[in-house]
Amino acid sequence: MRRFRIIRSLIGTMFVLALSSGVLLATEPAGGEMSSPASDWLIETIDATREVGYNVSVATDPETGHTYISYYEGVDGDLWLARTGAPNGNCGPGNTWECQVLDSDGVVGKNSSITVCGTGPVASLYISYHDVTTGSLKVVEGEIDRATGVFTYNADIVELGDTGLGYHYGTRTAVGCHRLVGNPHVLYQVELTGDKNVRYATRANPLGTGNCGEGNAAGMWQCSHLHGGAGVGDFLDIYVEDSGSVHMAFFTAEETDTFPIWGYRVGSGGQGCNGSDQWICHAITNPGNDTGEYISLGIASITERHLAYRNATTESLEWATYVAGTDGNCGPFDWYRCEGIDDMGSGAMPSGIDIEIDDGGNPVIVYQDASSGDLDLKIARPLGGLSWPAAGNCGPLSPMFFPTWLCETLDAGDINHAEAAGGLSVAMNANGEAAVAYRELFGIPPDEGRLKIAIEPISIFLDGFETGNTSRWSTTVP
């Protein structure tokens, strides 16, 4: 079987070091997925009406490859969904996407997170988000007919807030689900009269016996406390393995230092999480640094875990990976390796970080770079995960003192607009290509927001190559 890329053909079958040229180069690792330089990516505007694109989150269907984006509309305060594969398109280039409002009951849809999972003819879709009007955590539960694209859903309250008493559930949210079974898992922040906590909700078993959920969702969810303290949950993420193992990460602050926490659900006998023995938690401290803003989690396996976040002390993108104490410099017993990847700029200007893991087990990090003042959308990848000759320009140095990562601009901002202002998100499709959803803030007041997507070039497969049939092509892996 041979595989070709639209736009250009990539060659190279192994990772090489070109020491004679004085730079570190990379081509495709053996057995790895193909990848593309940022200059080859396709940039599209999905929704350019109203003030859109806040709190964006993207997911792809693991079976069909269709893309789903949840986002907040800032004029009316509504939750929106943009997707491919719908029967009737009404947005995006050539109306190939469908944009629809999912919840308009009050001011809803802030800090949304989306996931798509399940096998068979029907996919499960979940969106967690905050209802500002009632102070509640809400979840959209939807089903997608994979053959027709028909989408049905309901929006339920998982934990009911009370704004009069200062009870706000879901001020930050992250949702994941089991790729095969489809069960949802939600990590969310709670603000109770000024105090902040992180809580976890999942499907009650048996159904109807849970301790949370309102109305039709009463008893359908089981909610539990995980951690409390200063700044806890201002940034958070969750990941569900195919095995059913659940990982989480969240930001916290203690005294003058801030740091991320990684957690792993064990059911009982856990330690390190304030108030819960169902989880094992590690504080990924980097002494003398304030770290953890925009925390994002990427998991290849229980022993292959990656975190990306902002180091406020060095004003940089930082990456932490589990090394089991072999070469660590942070975390408990130096079990983690923390490395600076690229500058991000100062203050509150950067607008997000998100990480995914490609099919070769390599981290793919998207982020907003405010260091130049132009607010660019960028992508960082280790050279070992690239499939074309490239010189490293960022990240930790090799033993020969060459940069081992490549940081590229996906979409450049300028004095009149910013890329990813208001949020960004990355997802991998079934073929291993990335899709990055983000918000473009365009113009000097009155400002205008646009929902955009950067798409890695699509892989196509010559299905009949071995038999000499050069007319049969497909986007499905044979």
Protein backbone atom coordinates (compact mmCIF):
# COMPACT_ATOMS: atom_id res chain seq x y z
CA MET A 1 0.00 0.00 0.00
CA ARG A 2 1.33 3.46 -0.84
CA ARG A 3 0.11 6.71 0.56
CA PHE A 4 0.27 10.12 -1.09
CA ARG A 5 -0.64 13.62 0.08
CA ILE A 6 -2.70 16.20 -1.71
CA ILE A 7 -0.53 19.28 -2.48
CA ARG A 8 2.77 17.46 -2.52
CA SER A 9 4.44 14.09 -2.03
CA LEU A 10 6.61 13.59 1.03
CA ILE A 11 9.49 11.20 1.13
CA GLY A 12 11.73 9.90 3.85
CA THR A 13 11.53 6.80 5.96
CA MET A 14 13.78 7.35 8.95
CA PHE A 15 14.91 9.91 11.48
CA VAL A 16 18.32 11.40 10.59
CA LEU A 17 20.79 13.79 12.14
CA ALA A 18 22.56 16.06 9.69
CA LEU A 19 25.42 17.01 11.98
CA SER A 20 27.67 18.03 9.12
CA SER A 21 25.34 20.94 8.28
CA GLY A 22 25.33 22.16 11.87
CA VAL A 23 21.59 21.69 12.32
CA LEU A 24 19.27 18.96 13.50
CA LEU A 25 17.09 17.65 10.68
CA ALA A 26 14.19 15.26 10.55
CA THR A 27 12.31 13.16 8.03
CA GLU A 28 9.49 10.69 8.60
CA PRO A 29 10.11 8.30 11.50
CA ALA A 30 9.86 4.61 10.67
CA GLY A 31 6.26 3.48 11.08
CA GLY A 32 5.01 6.98 11.82
CA GLU A 33 2.18 8.92 10.28
CA MET A 34 2.85 11.54 7.64
CA SER A 35 2.76 15.18 8.72
CA SER A 36 2.81 18.51 6.91
CA PRO A 37 4.63 21.84 7.28
CA ALA A 38 2.44 24.70 8.46
CA SER A 39 2.75 26.36 5.05
CA ASP A 40 0.77 23.49 3.50
CA TRP A 41 -2.20 23.69 5.86
CA LEU A 42 -5.59 24.84 4.63
CA ILE A 43 -7.09 27.84 6.48
CA GLU A 44 -10.87 28.29 6.33
CA THR A 45 -13.45 30.61 7.90
CA ILE A 46 -16.41 28.63 9.21
CA ASP A 47 -18.65 31.29 10.78
CA ALA A 48 -18.17 35.02 10.16
CA THR A 49 -21.56 36.26 11.36
CA ARG A 50 -22.19 37.87 14.74
CA GLU A 51 -19.46 37.88 17.42
CA VAL A 52 -18.48 34.20 17.34
CA GLY A 53 -15.70 31.78 18.13
CA TYR A 54 -15.20 32.31 21.86
CA ASN A 55 -14.25 29.30 24.03
CA VAL A 56 -13.83 27.09 20.99
CA SER A 57 -13.41 23.31 21.23
CA VAL A 58 -12.95 20.81 18.38
CA ALA A 59 -13.41 17.04 18.07
CA THR A 60 -13.45 14.55 15.21
CA ASP A 61 -15.55 11.42 14.80
CA PRO A 62 -13.10 8.51 15.18
CA GLU A 63 -14.92 6.50 12.50
CA THR A 64 -16.11 9.00 9.87
CA GLY A 65 -13.50 11.72 10.39
CA HIS A 66 -16.17 14.46 10.41
CA THR A 67 -15.28 17.56 12.42
CA TYR A 68 -17.35 19.10 15.22
CA ILE A 69 -16.72 22.50 16.84
CA SER A 70 -18.52 23.96 19.86
CA TYR A 71 -18.27 27.70 20.43
CA TYR A 72 -19.84 30.65 22.21
CA GLU A 73 -21.70 33.47 20.46
CA GLY A 74 -21.02 36.72 22.30
CA VAL A 75 -23.93 38.93 21.21
CA ASP A 76 -26.89 36.83 22.31
CA GLY A 77 -24.94 34.56 24.67
CA ASP A 78 -25.70 31.22 22.98
CA LEU A 79 -24.00 27.84 22.54
CA TRP A 80 -23.32 26.94 18.90
CA LEU A 81 -22.15 23.85 17.01
CA ALA A 82 -20.41 23.79 13.62
CA ARG A 83 -19.96 20.43 11.88
CA THR A 84 -19.19 18.67 8.64
CA GLY A 85 -21.22 15.74 7.33
CA ALA A 86 -24.60 17.40 7.97
CA PRO A 87 -27.42 16.86 5.43
CA ASN A 88 -27.80 20.60 4.79
CA GLY A 89 -24.87 23.00 5.01
CA ASN A 90 -25.31 26.70 5.79
CA CYS A 91 -21.81 27.96 6.67
CA GLY A 92 -18.15 27.53 5.84
CA PRO A 93 -16.64 27.47 2.35
CA GLY A 94 -19.30 26.46 -0.17
CA ASN A 95 -21.75 25.85 2.69
CA THR A 96 -20.01 22.54 3.38
CA TRP A 97 -20.52 23.02 7.14
CA GLU A 98 -23.67 23.36 9.21
CA CYS A 99 -23.77 25.95 12.02
CA GLN A 100 -26.64 25.71 14.49
CA VAL A 101 -27.52 27.08 17.91
CA LEU A 102 -27.86 24.33 20.53
CA ASP A 103 -28.81 26.31 23.64
CA SER A 104 -30.17 29.86 23.84
CA ASP A 105 -31.91 29.66 27.23
CA GLY A 106 -30.32 32.66 28.94
CA VAL A 107 -26.58 33.35 28.70
CA VAL A 108 -25.17 29.89 28.04
CA GLY A 109 -22.30 28.15 26.31
CA LYS A 110 -19.24 29.67 27.96
CA ASN A 111 -16.09 27.55 28.34
CA SER A 112 -17.46 24.68 26.28
CA SER A 113 -15.66 21.40 25.63
CA ILE A 114 -16.67 18.80 23.03
CA THR A 115 -16.02 15.12 22.37
CA VAL A 116 -17.34 12.52 19.88
CA CYS A 117 -17.10 8.77 20.45
CA GLY A 118 -18.79 5.38 20.18
CA THR A 119 -18.83 2.64 17.54
CA GLY A 120 -21.45 1.43 15.12
CA PRO A 121 -24.03 3.35 13.08
CA VAL A 122 -24.60 6.05 15.72
CA ALA A 123 -21.96 8.30 17.29
CA SER A 124 -22.28 9.92 20.71
CA LEU A 125 -21.56 13.65 21.08
CA TYR A 126 -21.12 15.50 24.39
CA ILE A 127 -20.57 19.20 25.06
CA SER A 128 -19.98 20.48 28.59
CA TYR A 129 -20.44 24.20 29.26
CA HIS A 130 -21.43 26.87 31.76
CA ASP A 131 -24.88 28.42 32.11
CA VAL A 132 -24.13 31.95 33.35
CA THR A 133 -27.78 32.80 34.00
CA THR A 134 -28.39 29.99 36.50
CA GLY A 135 -24.76 29.32 37.48
CA SER A 136 -25.10 25.69 36.37
CA LEU A 137 -23.00 23.01 34.71
CA LYS A 138 -24.82 21.82 31.60
CA VAL A 139 -24.10 19.03 29.12
CA VAL A 140 -25.44 18.53 25.61
CA GLU A 141 -25.93 14.82 24.90
CA GLY A 142 -26.37 14.10 21.22
CA GLU A 143 -26.53 11.26 18.74
CA ILE A 144 -25.30 11.41 15.14
CA ASP A 145 -26.52 8.99 12.50
CA ARG A 146 -23.22 8.25 10.77
CA ALA A 147 -24.96 7.29 7.51
CA THR A 148 -27.25 10.31 7.14
CA GLY A 149 -25.61 12.95 9.35
CA VAL A 150 -28.89 13.55 11.21
CA PHE A 151 -28.18 14.97 14.68
CA THR A 152 -30.54 14.79 17.68
CA TYR A 153 -29.76 16.05 21.16
CA ASN A 154 -30.92 17.35 24.51
CA ALA A 155 -29.29 19.86 26.89
CA ASP A 156 -29.42 18.95 30.59
CA ILE A 157 -28.31 20.48 33.88
CA VAL A 158 -25.79 18.27 35.66
CA GLU A 159 -25.32 20.51 38.72
CA LEU A 160 -27.72 23.37 39.40
CA GLY A 161 -26.19 26.62 40.58
CA ASP A 162 -27.56 29.48 42.65
CA THR A 163 -26.25 32.86 41.54
CA GLY A 164 -27.93 34.58 44.49
CA LEU A 165 -25.83 32.54 46.92
CA GLY A 166 -22.73 32.73 44.73
CA TYR A 167 -22.83 29.05 43.67
CA HIS A 168 -21.44 28.61 40.14
CA TYR A 169 -20.85 25.15 38.66
CA GLY A 170 -18.90 24.61 35.43
CA THR A 171 -17.12 27.97 35.26
CA ARG A 172 -14.45 25.92 33.48
CA THR A 173 -15.19 22.54 31.87
CA ALA A 174 -13.53 19.66 30.02
CA VAL A 175 -15.32 16.59 28.66
CA GLY A 176 -14.06 13.26 27.40
CA CYS A 177 -15.67 9.95 26.54
CA HIS A 178 -14.72 6.33 25.99
CA ARG A 179 -14.00 6.00 22.26
CA LEU A 180 -15.60 2.56 22.03
CA VAL A 181 -18.32 2.56 24.70
CA GLY A 182 -19.26 6.25 24.60
CA ASN A 183 -19.59 6.93 28.34
CA PRO A 184 -19.02 10.62 29.24
CA HIS A 185 -16.61 12.06 31.82
CA VAL A 186 -16.63 15.75 32.83
CA LEU A 187 -14.02 17.69 34.80
CA TYR A 188 -15.23 21.11 35.92
CA GLN A 189 -14.57 24.05 38.18
CA VAL A 190 -16.93 25.12 40.96
CA GLU A 191 -16.98 28.56 42.56
CA LEU A 192 -18.81 28.65 45.89
CA THR A 193 -18.92 32.12 47.47
CA GLY A 194 -15.40 32.84 46.32
CA ASP A 195 -13.82 29.43 46.97
CA LYS A 196 -12.76 27.32 43.98
CA ASN A 197 -12.94 23.55 43.63
CA VAL A 198 -12.48 20.92 40.94
CA ARG A 199 -15.20 18.29 40.60
CA TYR A 200 -15.71 15.23 38.40
CA ALA A 201 -18.96 13.89 36.94
CA THR A 202 -19.60 10.66 35.09
CA ARG A 203 -22.55 8.46 34.17
CA ALA A 204 -24.23 6.90 37.20
CA ASN A 205 -24.18 3.11 37.35
CA PRO A 206 -26.89 1.92 37.51
CA LEU A 207 -28.68 4.76 35.79
CA GLY A 208 -30.97 6.75 38.03
CA THR A 209 -28.95 6.14 41.19
CA GLY A 210 -26.58 9.10 40.85
CA ASN A 211 -26.31 12.07 43.20
CA CYS A 212 -26.65 14.82 40.58
CA GLY A 213 -28.56 15.77 37.44
CA GLU A 214 -31.74 17.83 37.16
CA GLY A 215 -35.10 17.22 35.48
CA ASN A 216 -34.90 14.43 32.93
CA ALA A 217 -31.25 13.94 33.93
CA ALA A 218 -32.01 13.41 37.65
CA GLY A 219 -29.89 10.58 39.02
CA MET A 220 -28.15 10.06 35.67
CA TRP A 221 -24.82 11.51 36.87
CA GLN A 222 -22.48 10.83 39.78
CA CYS A 223 -20.58 13.94 40.94
CA SER A 224 -17.61 14.01 43.32
CA HIS A 225 -15.17 16.51 44.81
CA LEU A 226 -11.51 16.27 43.80
CA HIS A 227 -9.53 19.28 44.96
CA GLY A 228 -9.96 22.74 46.42
CA GLY A 229 -7.78 25.78 46.95
CA ALA A 230 -6.47 29.02 45.46
CA GLY A 231 -6.88 29.26 41.71
CA VAL A 232 -7.87 25.60 41.45
CA GLY A 233 -9.42 24.70 38.10
CA ASP A 234 -8.91 28.04 36.32
CA PHE A 235 -7.50 25.78 33.59
CA LEU A 236 -8.22 22.05 33.29
CA ASP A 237 -8.36 19.09 30.89
CA ILE A 238 -9.46 15.43 30.80
CA TYR A 239 -8.59 12.39 28.68
CA VAL A 240 -10.19 8.92 28.50
CA GLU A 241 -8.12 5.98 27.22
CA ASP A 242 -9.61 3.13 25.18
CA SER A 243 -9.00 0.96 28.24
CA GLY A 244 -11.42 3.19 30.15
CA SER A 245 -8.70 4.79 32.28
CA VAL A 246 -9.39 8.45 33.00
CA HIS A 247 -6.66 11.09 33.25
CA MET A 248 -7.07 14.71 34.31
CA ALA A 249 -4.96 17.82 34.68
CA PHE A 250 -5.74 21.13 36.30
CA PHE A 251 -4.11 24.37 37.43
CA THR A 252 -3.70 25.30 41.05
CA ALA A 253 -1.88 27.91 43.14
CA GLU A 254 -0.25 27.70 46.53
CA GLU A 255 1.23 30.77 48.18
CA THR A 256 3.38 32.52 45.54
CA ASP A 257 3.84 29.54 43.21
CA THR A 258 1.43 28.05 40.71
CA PHE A 259 1.70 24.63 39.14
CA PRO A 260 -0.26 21.98 37.23
CA ILE A 261 -1.55 18.75 38.73
CA TRP A 262 -1.90 15.46 36.84
CA GLY A 263 -4.40 12.89 38.09
CA TYR A 264 -5.28 9.28 37.29
CA ARG A 265 -8.50 7.59 38.38
CA VAL A 266 -7.96 4.39 40.37
CA GLY A 267 -11.38 3.96 41.99
CA SER A 268 -10.06 3.60 45.55
CA GLY A 269 -6.81 3.78 47.47
CA GLY A 270 -5.60 6.92 45.72
CA GLN A 271 -3.49 9.67 47.24
CA GLY A 272 -2.39 13.22 46.52
CA CYS A 273 -5.83 14.62 45.66
CA ASN A 274 -7.35 16.79 48.35
CA GLY A 275 -10.58 15.14 49.47
CA SER A 276 -10.63 12.12 47.14
CA ASP A 277 -9.06 8.66 47.42
CA GLN A 278 -10.37 7.67 43.99
CA TRP A 279 -7.48 9.38 42.21
CA ILE A 280 -3.70 9.43 42.26
CA CYS A 281 -2.43 13.00 41.83
CA HIS A 282 1.01 14.42 41.09
CA ALA A 283 1.90 18.10 41.49
CA ILE A 284 4.18 18.91 38.54
CA THR A 285 6.18 21.59 40.31
CA ASN A 286 9.05 23.45 38.71
CA PRO A 287 10.80 25.16 41.67
CA GLY A 288 10.92 28.94 41.47
CA ASN A 289 8.49 29.11 38.52
CA ASP A 290 4.80 29.99 38.28
CA THR A 291 3.45 27.41 35.85
CA GLY A 292 0.23 25.78 34.72
CA GLU A 293 -1.83 28.40 32.86
CA TYR A 294 -3.77 26.97 29.87
CA ILE A 295 -2.92 23.41 31.02
CA SER A 296 -3.63 20.73 28.42
CA LEU A 297 -3.18 16.97 28.62
CA GLY A 298 -2.06 14.44 26.00
CA ILE A 299 -2.00 10.72 26.80
CA ALA A 300 -0.51 7.90 24.74
CA SER A 301 -0.63 5.41 27.63
CA ILE A 302 -0.43 5.36 31.43
CA THR A 303 3.36 5.62 31.15
CA GLU A 304 3.37 8.00 28.18
CA ARG A 305 1.75 11.21 29.34
CA HIS A 306 2.38 14.78 28.26
CA LEU A 307 1.29 18.16 29.58
CA ALA A 308 1.56 21.54 27.88
CA TYR A 309 1.07 24.83 29.73
CA ARG A 310 2.41 28.36 30.13
CA ASN A 311 5.31 29.16 32.40
CA ALA A 312 4.44 32.66 33.62
CA THR A 313 7.90 33.21 35.11
CA THR A 314 9.73 32.67 31.83
CA GLU A 315 6.72 33.75 29.71
CA SER A 316 7.09 30.58 27.66
CA LEU A 317 5.29 27.50 26.41
CA GLU A 318 6.41 24.58 28.58
CA TRP A 319 6.08 20.85 28.05
CA ALA A 320 6.24 18.19 30.76
CA THR A 321 6.52 14.48 30.09
CA TYR A 322 6.62 11.48 32.41
CA VAL A 323 10.08 9.86 32.53
CA ALA A 324 9.68 7.71 35.68
CA GLY A 325 12.65 9.36 37.37
CA THR A 326 15.23 8.40 34.74
CA ASP A 327 16.01 11.94 33.60
CA GLY A 328 13.51 14.12 35.42
CA ASN A 329 13.84 17.65 36.73
CA CYS A 330 10.35 18.36 38.12
CA GLY A 331 7.39 16.73 39.82
CA PRO A 332 7.48 14.24 42.69
CA PHE A 333 10.83 12.41 42.88
CA ASP A 334 11.75 14.06 39.55
CA TRP A 335 9.40 11.70 37.73
CA TYR A 336 8.74 14.35 35.07
CA ARG A 337 10.89 16.29 32.64
CA CYS A 338 9.87 19.96 32.21
CA GLU A 339 11.25 21.76 29.16
CA GLY A 340 10.71 25.22 27.70
CA ILE A 341 9.55 25.07 24.07
CA ASP A 342 8.92 28.63 22.81
CA ASP A 343 8.22 32.21 23.90
CA MET A 344 4.58 33.15 24.44
CA GLY A 345 4.77 36.77 25.58
CA SER A 346 3.80 38.57 28.73
CA GLY A 347 0.68 39.31 30.72
CA ALA A 348 -2.77 38.04 29.77
CA MET A 349 -2.26 38.42 26.03
CA PRO A 350 -1.73 34.73 25.09
CA SER A 351 -5.05 33.03 24.50
CA GLY A 352 -4.55 29.34 24.91
CA ILE A 353 -2.60 26.10 24.61
CA ASP A 354 -3.81 22.69 23.48
CA ILE A 355 -1.97 19.40 23.00
CA GLU A 356 -2.74 16.19 21.13
CA ILE A 357 -0.72 13.04 20.51
CA ASP A 358 -0.18 11.86 16.93
CA ASP A 359 -0.24 8.23 15.80
CA GLY A 360 3.50 7.98 16.36
CA GLY A 361 3.13 8.98 20.02
CA ASN A 362 4.55 12.47 19.46
CA PRO A 363 3.10 15.62 21.07
CA VAL A 364 1.49 18.23 18.81
CA ILE A 365 1.02 21.57 20.60
CA VAL A 366 -0.90 24.59 19.31
CA TYR A 367 -0.69 27.94 21.08
CA GLN A 368 -0.93 31.68 20.67
CA ASP A 369 2.37 33.55 20.57
CA ALA A 370 2.17 37.12 21.88
CA SER A 371 5.93 37.61 22.14
CA SER A 372 6.17 39.65 18.92
CA GLY A 373 2.99 41.63 19.65
CA ASP A 374 1.26 40.21 16.54
CA LEU A 375 -0.65 37.41 18.32
CA ASP A 376 0.09 34.53 15.95
CA LEU A 377 -1.42 31.03 15.99
CA LYS A 378 1.50 28.59 16.13
CA ILE A 379 2.23 24.87 16.26
CA ALA A 380 5.15 23.10 17.96
CA ARG A 381 6.27 19.53 17.19
CA PRO A 382 9.41 17.50 18.01
CA LEU A 383 11.59 16.78 15.00
CA GLY A 384 11.14 13.05 15.56
CA GLY A 385 7.46 13.43 14.68
CA LEU A 386 8.00 15.21 11.35
CA SER A 387 8.06 13.57 7.93
CA TRP A 388 10.03 16.11 5.94
CA PRO A 389 13.54 17.57 6.27
CA ALA A 390 13.34 20.37 8.83
CA ALA A 391 15.79 22.22 11.04
CA GLY A 392 14.89 22.60 14.69
CA ASN A 393 14.30 26.15 15.94
CA CYS A 394 12.85 25.71 19.45
CA GLY A 395 12.52 23.32 22.35
CA PRO A 396 15.19 21.55 24.40
CA LEU A 397 18.67 21.16 22.96
CA SER A 398 20.16 17.88 21.80
CA PRO A 399 23.48 16.62 23.23
CA MET A 400 25.07 18.45 20.27
CA PHE A 401 23.27 21.68 21.34
CA PHE A 402 20.82 21.77 18.43
CA PRO A 403 17.11 22.61 18.97
CA THR A 404 15.04 19.44 18.85
CA TRP A 405 11.59 20.94 18.07
CA LEU A 406 10.11 22.92 15.19
CA CYS A 407 7.82 25.87 16.00
CA GLU A 408 5.84 27.26 13.04
CA THR A 409 3.17 29.90 12.43
CA LEU A 410 -0.14 28.46 11.24
CA ASP A 411 -1.96 31.80 10.92
CA ALA A 412 -0.25 35.15 11.39
CA GLY A 413 -1.80 38.07 13.23
CA ASP A 414 -0.93 41.72 12.79
CA ILE A 415 -1.67 45.11 14.31
CA ASN A 416 -5.37 44.92 13.28
CA HIS A 417 -6.21 41.35 14.19
CA ALA A 418 -5.23 38.43 16.39
CA GLU A 419 -5.37 34.72 15.67
CA ALA A 420 -6.80 32.50 18.43
CA ALA A 421 -8.00 35.47 20.50
CA GLY A 422 -10.65 33.91 22.71
CA GLY A 423 -9.61 30.30 22.39
CA LEU A 424 -8.07 27.49 20.35
CA SER A 425 -8.36 23.71 20.19
CA VAL A 426 -6.71 20.84 18.29
CA ALA A 427 -7.96 17.35 17.40
CA MET A 428 -6.58 14.43 15.40
CA ASN A 429 -8.71 12.64 12.82
CA ALA A 430 -8.76 8.92 12.08
CA ASN A 431 -5.92 9.29 9.56
CA GLY A 432 -3.63 11.12 11.98
CA GLU A 433 -4.00 14.62 10.54
CA ALA A 434 -4.67 17.57 12.81
CA ALA A 435 -7.47 20.15 12.77
CA VAL A 436 -7.08 23.38 14.75
CA ALA A 437 -10.18 25.45 15.54
CA TYR A 438 -9.73 29.00 16.79
CA ARG A 439 -11.16 32.50 16.94
CA GLU A 440 -9.95 35.38 14.83
CA LEU A 441 -10.44 38.81 16.39
CA PHE A 442 -10.52 41.20 13.45
CA GLY A 443 -10.50 44.99 13.33
CA ILE A 444 -10.19 47.88 15.73
CA PRO A 445 -13.44 48.66 17.63
CA PRO A 446 -16.06 47.60 16.95
CA ASP A 447 -14.25 44.26 17.08
CA GLU A 448 -15.53 41.27 15.15
CA GLY A 449 -14.97 37.61 15.93
CA ARG A 450 -14.76 34.84 13.37
CA LEU A 451 -14.63 31.06 13.82
CA LYS A 452 -11.77 29.59 11.77
CA ILE A 453 -10.10 26.25 11.26
CA ALA A 454 -6.64 25.21 10.10
CA ILE A 455 -6.65 21.76 8.51
CA GLU A 456 -3.64 19.56 7.84
CA PRO A 457 -3.63 18.32 4.21
CA ILE A 458 -5.86 15.30 3.72
CA SER A 459 -4.25 11.93 3.05
CA ILE A 460 -5.44 9.95 0.07
CA PHE A 461 -4.76 6.29 -0.57
CA LEU A 462 -4.16 4.50 -3.88
CA ASP A 463 -6.26 1.47 -3.04
CA GLY A 464 -5.33 -0.60 -6.09
CA PHE A 465 -1.62 0.22 -6.31
CA GLU A 466 -0.34 -3.32 -5.71
CA THR A 467 -2.56 -4.74 -8.45
CA GLY A 468 -1.69 -2.01 -10.92
CA ASN A 469 -5.02 -0.17 -10.65
CA THR A 470 -4.07 3.52 -10.54
CA SER A 471 -7.63 4.86 -10.82
CA ARG A 472 -9.02 3.89 -7.44
CA TRP A 473 -8.33 6.47 -4.70
CA SER A 474 -9.85 6.83 -1.26
CA THR A 475 -9.56 8.92 1.90
CA THR A 476 -10.23 5.77 3.95
CA VAL A 477 -7.30 3.70 5.16
CA PRO A 478 -7.61 0.36 3.33
